[in-house]
């Protein structure tokens, strides 16, 4: 696209303003496409992180699976109370 504008300028069919317009348009479009690419990249990373979280959520926690619940340490049958001093 830029090469075509320069060739037209060399042939006398385009002005320096036309070439400037083409260059500016190219850089603006290039910047927008780069931003879209970065947003897509961030979206892909987020989806991958969510997939990992879902996989981790389904796994049992090491050392807890198969254990029986803790019993009360109170020997009197009443729940233990913490005294404030």
N, C-alpha and C. Protein backbone atom coordinates (compact mmCIF):
# COMPACT_ATOMS: atom_id res chain seq x y z
N UNK A 1 0.83 -1.17 0.00
CA UNK A 1 0.00 0.00 0.00
C UNK A 1 0.88 1.25 0.00
N UNK A 2 1.90 1.26 0.84
CA UNK A 2 2.79 2.42 0.89
C UNK A 2 3.61 2.51 -0.38
N UNK A 3 4.04 1.35 -0.85
CA UNK A 3 4.83 1.33 -2.09
C UNK A 3 4.04 1.85 -3.28
N UNK A 4 2.76 1.50 -3.33
CA UNK A 4 1.91 1.99 -4.41
C UNK A 4 1.76 3.50 -4.36
N UNK A 5 1.63 4.05 -3.17
CA UNK A 5 1.52 5.50 -3.03
C UNK A 5 2.80 6.19 -3.47
N UNK A 6 3.93 5.61 -3.13
CA UNK A 6 5.21 6.20 -3.54
C UNK A 6 5.38 6.11 -5.04
N UNK A 7 5.00 4.98 -5.64
CA UNK A 7 5.09 4.86 -7.10
C UNK A 7 4.19 5.88 -7.80
N UNK A 8 3.00 6.09 -7.28
CA UNK A 8 2.12 7.11 -7.86
C UNK A 8 2.71 8.51 -7.70
N UNK A 9 3.40 8.74 -6.59
CA UNK A 9 4.03 10.04 -6.37
C UNK A 9 5.18 10.25 -7.35
N UNK A 10 5.98 9.19 -7.55
CA UNK A 10 7.10 9.28 -8.51
C UNK A 10 6.57 9.52 -9.91
N UNK A 11 5.44 8.89 -10.26
CA UNK A 11 4.87 9.05 -11.60
C UNK A 11 4.15 10.40 -11.74
N UNK A 12 4.02 11.14 -10.67
CA UNK A 12 3.37 12.44 -10.73
C UNK A 12 1.86 12.38 -10.62
N UNK A 13 1.33 11.23 -10.25
CA UNK A 13 -0.13 11.09 -10.15
C UNK A 13 -0.63 11.27 -8.72
N UNK A 14 0.29 11.47 -7.76
CA UNK A 14 -0.09 11.69 -6.37
C UNK A 14 0.77 12.83 -5.82
N UNK A 15 0.22 13.56 -4.90
CA UNK A 15 0.94 14.66 -4.27
C UNK A 15 1.60 14.18 -2.98
N UNK A 16 2.54 14.96 -2.44
CA UNK A 16 3.12 14.58 -1.14
C UNK A 16 2.05 14.48 -0.05
N UNK A 17 1.00 15.27 -0.14
CA UNK A 17 -0.10 15.17 0.82
C UNK A 17 -0.81 13.84 0.73
N UNK A 18 -0.97 13.32 -0.49
CA UNK A 18 -1.59 12.01 -0.67
C UNK A 18 -0.74 10.91 -0.04
N UNK A 19 0.57 11.00 -0.24
CA UNK A 19 1.47 10.01 0.35
C UNK A 19 1.42 10.10 1.88
N UNK A 20 1.38 11.32 2.40
CA UNK A 20 1.27 11.51 3.85
C UNK A 20 -0.02 10.92 4.38
N UNK A 21 -1.11 11.11 3.65
CA UNK A 21 -2.40 10.55 4.05
C UNK A 21 -2.35 9.03 4.09
N UNK A 22 -1.73 8.43 3.08
CA UNK A 22 -1.62 6.97 3.03
C UNK A 22 -0.77 6.46 4.19
N UNK A 23 0.36 7.12 4.46
CA UNK A 23 1.21 6.70 5.58
C UNK A 23 0.49 6.82 6.92
N UNK A 24 -0.20 7.92 7.13
CA UNK A 24 -0.93 8.12 8.39
C UNK A 24 -2.03 7.09 8.54
N UNK A 25 -2.75 6.83 7.47
CA UNK A 25 -3.82 5.82 7.53
C UNK A 25 -3.25 4.45 7.84
N UNK A 26 -2.11 4.12 7.23
CA UNK A 26 -1.49 2.83 7.47
C UNK A 26 -1.12 2.68 8.95
N UNK A 27 -0.48 3.70 9.52
CA UNK A 27 -0.05 3.60 10.92
C UNK A 27 -1.23 3.54 11.88
N UNK A 28 -2.30 4.27 11.60
CA UNK A 28 -3.48 4.22 12.48
C UNK A 28 -4.12 2.84 12.43
N UNK A 29 -4.30 2.29 11.22
CA UNK A 29 -4.89 0.96 11.09
C UNK A 29 -4.00 -0.09 11.75
N UNK A 30 -2.68 0.06 11.57
CA UNK A 30 -1.74 -0.88 12.17
C UNK A 30 -1.85 -0.84 13.70
N UNK A 31 -1.97 0.35 14.28
CA UNK A 31 -2.08 0.47 15.74
C UNK A 31 -3.38 -0.16 16.25
N UNK A 32 -4.49 0.07 15.54
CA UNK A 32 -5.76 -0.53 15.97
C UNK A 32 -5.70 -2.05 15.89
N UNK A 33 -5.12 -2.57 14.83
CA UNK A 33 -5.01 -4.03 14.70
C UNK A 33 -4.11 -4.62 15.78
N UNK A 34 -3.04 -3.89 16.13
CA UNK A 34 -2.16 -4.36 17.20
C UNK A 34 -2.92 -4.40 18.52
N UNK A 35 -3.72 -3.37 18.80
CA UNK A 35 -4.52 -3.35 20.03
C UNK A 35 -5.53 -4.49 20.06
N UNK A 36 -6.17 -4.76 18.93
CA UNK A 36 -7.13 -5.87 18.87
C UNK A 36 -6.40 -7.18 19.15
N UNK A 37 -5.22 -7.34 18.58
CA UNK A 37 -4.43 -8.55 18.82
C UNK A 37 -4.06 -8.71 20.28
N UNK A 38 -3.71 -7.61 20.95
CA UNK A 38 -3.37 -7.69 22.38
C UNK A 38 -4.59 -8.05 23.21
N UNK A 39 -5.76 -7.51 22.85
CA UNK A 39 -6.98 -7.85 23.59
C UNK A 39 -7.35 -9.33 23.40
N UNK A 40 -7.18 -9.84 22.20
CA UNK A 40 -7.45 -11.26 21.95
C UNK A 40 -6.47 -12.12 22.74
N UNK A 41 -5.22 -11.71 22.80
CA UNK A 41 -4.22 -12.45 23.56
C UNK A 41 -4.58 -12.48 25.05
N UNK A 42 -5.01 -11.33 25.60
CA UNK A 42 -5.43 -11.29 27.00
C UNK A 42 -6.65 -12.17 27.24
N UNK A 43 -7.58 -12.19 26.30
CA UNK A 43 -8.76 -13.04 26.42
C UNK A 43 -8.38 -14.51 26.43
N UNK A 44 -7.45 -14.90 25.56
CA UNK A 44 -7.00 -16.29 25.53
C UNK A 44 -6.33 -16.69 26.83
N UNK A 45 -5.51 -15.79 27.39
CA UNK A 45 -4.86 -16.09 28.67
C UNK A 45 -5.89 -16.26 29.78
N UNK A 46 -6.89 -15.38 29.79
CA UNK A 46 -7.93 -15.47 30.82
C UNK A 46 -8.69 -16.78 30.72
N UNK A 47 -9.03 -17.19 29.52
CA UNK A 47 -9.76 -18.45 29.34
C UNK A 47 -8.90 -19.62 29.79
N UNK A 48 -7.61 -19.59 29.47
CA UNK A 48 -6.71 -20.67 29.90
C UNK A 48 -6.61 -20.72 31.43
N UNK A 49 -6.53 -19.55 32.07
CA UNK A 49 -6.48 -19.52 33.53
C UNK A 49 -7.77 -20.07 34.14
N UNK A 50 -8.90 -19.73 33.54
CA UNK A 50 -10.18 -20.25 34.05
C UNK A 50 -10.27 -21.76 33.88
N UNK A 51 -9.76 -22.28 32.77
CA UNK A 51 -9.75 -23.74 32.57
C UNK A 51 -8.91 -24.41 33.65
N UNK A 52 -7.76 -23.82 33.99
CA UNK A 52 -6.93 -24.38 35.04
C UNK A 52 -7.64 -24.35 36.39
N UNK A 53 -8.34 -23.25 36.68
CA UNK A 53 -9.07 -23.16 37.94
C UNK A 53 -10.17 -24.21 38.03
N UNK A 54 -10.86 -24.45 36.92
CA UNK A 54 -11.90 -25.47 36.92
C UNK A 54 -11.29 -26.84 37.16
N UNK A 55 -10.14 -27.11 36.54
CA UNK A 55 -9.48 -28.40 36.73
C UNK A 55 -9.00 -28.56 38.17
N UNK A 56 -8.47 -27.48 38.75
CA UNK A 56 -7.99 -27.54 40.13
C UNK A 56 -9.16 -27.71 41.09
N UNK A 57 -10.28 -27.08 40.80
CA UNK A 57 -11.45 -27.15 41.68
C UNK A 57 -11.97 -28.58 41.82
N UNK A 58 -11.83 -29.38 40.78
CA UNK A 58 -12.33 -30.75 40.82
C UNK A 58 -11.40 -31.72 41.53
N UNK A 59 -10.17 -31.33 41.81
CA UNK A 59 -9.22 -32.23 42.45
C UNK A 59 -9.39 -32.19 43.97
N UNK A 60 -9.16 -33.35 44.63
CA UNK A 60 -9.23 -33.35 46.09
C UNK A 60 -8.03 -32.61 46.68
N UNK A 61 -8.21 -32.02 47.84
CA UNK A 61 -7.12 -31.29 48.49
C UNK A 61 -6.21 -32.32 49.16
N UNK A 62 -4.93 -32.21 48.94
CA UNK A 62 -3.96 -33.17 49.46
C UNK A 62 -3.99 -33.20 50.98
N UNK A 63 -4.09 -34.38 51.55
CA UNK A 63 -4.05 -34.54 52.99
C UNK A 63 -5.40 -34.44 53.67
N UNK A 64 -6.45 -34.05 52.97
CA UNK A 64 -7.76 -33.90 53.58
C UNK A 64 -8.70 -35.02 53.14
N UNK A 65 -8.54 -35.52 51.94
CA UNK A 65 -9.44 -36.54 51.42
C UNK A 65 -9.39 -37.80 52.28
N UNK A 66 -10.52 -38.30 52.68
CA UNK A 66 -10.60 -39.55 53.43
C UNK A 66 -10.45 -39.40 54.93
N UNK A 67 -10.23 -38.21 55.43
CA UNK A 67 -10.09 -38.03 56.88
C UNK A 67 -11.47 -37.92 57.53
N UNK A 68 -11.52 -38.37 58.77
CA UNK A 68 -12.77 -38.24 59.53
C UNK A 68 -12.81 -36.86 60.16
N UNK A 69 -14.00 -36.33 60.41
CA UNK A 69 -14.08 -35.00 61.02
C UNK A 69 -13.49 -34.99 62.42
N UNK A 70 -13.01 -33.84 62.85
CA UNK A 70 -12.41 -33.71 64.18
C UNK A 70 -13.47 -33.82 65.26
N UNK A 71 -13.10 -34.44 66.36
CA UNK A 71 -14.00 -34.53 67.51
C UNK A 71 -13.73 -33.37 68.44
N UNK A 72 -14.70 -33.08 69.27
CA UNK A 72 -14.55 -32.03 70.27
C UNK A 72 -13.54 -32.48 71.31
N UNK A 73 -12.70 -31.60 71.79
CA UNK A 73 -11.70 -31.94 72.79
C UNK A 73 -12.27 -31.89 74.21
N UNK A 74 -13.47 -31.41 74.33
CA UNK A 74 -14.10 -31.30 75.64
C UNK A 74 -14.46 -32.69 76.15
N UNK A 75 -14.10 -32.98 77.38
CA UNK A 75 -14.41 -34.28 77.96
C UNK A 75 -15.75 -34.27 78.67
N UNK A 76 -16.30 -33.10 78.92
CA UNK A 76 -17.56 -33.02 79.65
C UNK A 76 -18.76 -33.14 78.73
N UNK A 77 -18.57 -33.18 77.43
CA UNK A 77 -19.68 -33.27 76.50
C UNK A 77 -20.19 -31.91 76.04
N UNK A 78 -19.71 -30.86 76.70
CA UNK A 78 -20.11 -29.51 76.30
C UNK A 78 -19.05 -28.93 75.36
N UNK A 79 -19.46 -28.04 74.48
CA UNK A 79 -18.45 -27.43 73.61
C UNK A 79 -17.48 -26.57 74.41
N UNK A 80 -16.28 -26.49 73.93
CA UNK A 80 -15.23 -25.72 74.60
C UNK A 80 -15.47 -24.23 74.39
N UNK A 81 -15.36 -23.45 75.46
CA UNK A 81 -15.53 -21.99 75.36
C UNK A 81 -14.20 -21.33 75.66
N UNK A 82 -13.92 -20.27 74.95
CA UNK A 82 -12.70 -19.52 75.17
C UNK A 82 -13.00 -18.42 76.15
N UNK A 83 -12.21 -18.35 77.22
CA UNK A 83 -12.41 -17.32 78.23
C UNK A 83 -11.62 -16.08 77.85
N UNK A 84 -12.26 -14.95 78.00
CA UNK A 84 -11.57 -13.69 77.73
C UNK A 84 -11.09 -13.12 79.05
N UNK A 85 -9.87 -12.67 79.06
CA UNK A 85 -9.31 -12.09 80.29
C UNK A 85 -9.14 -10.61 80.18
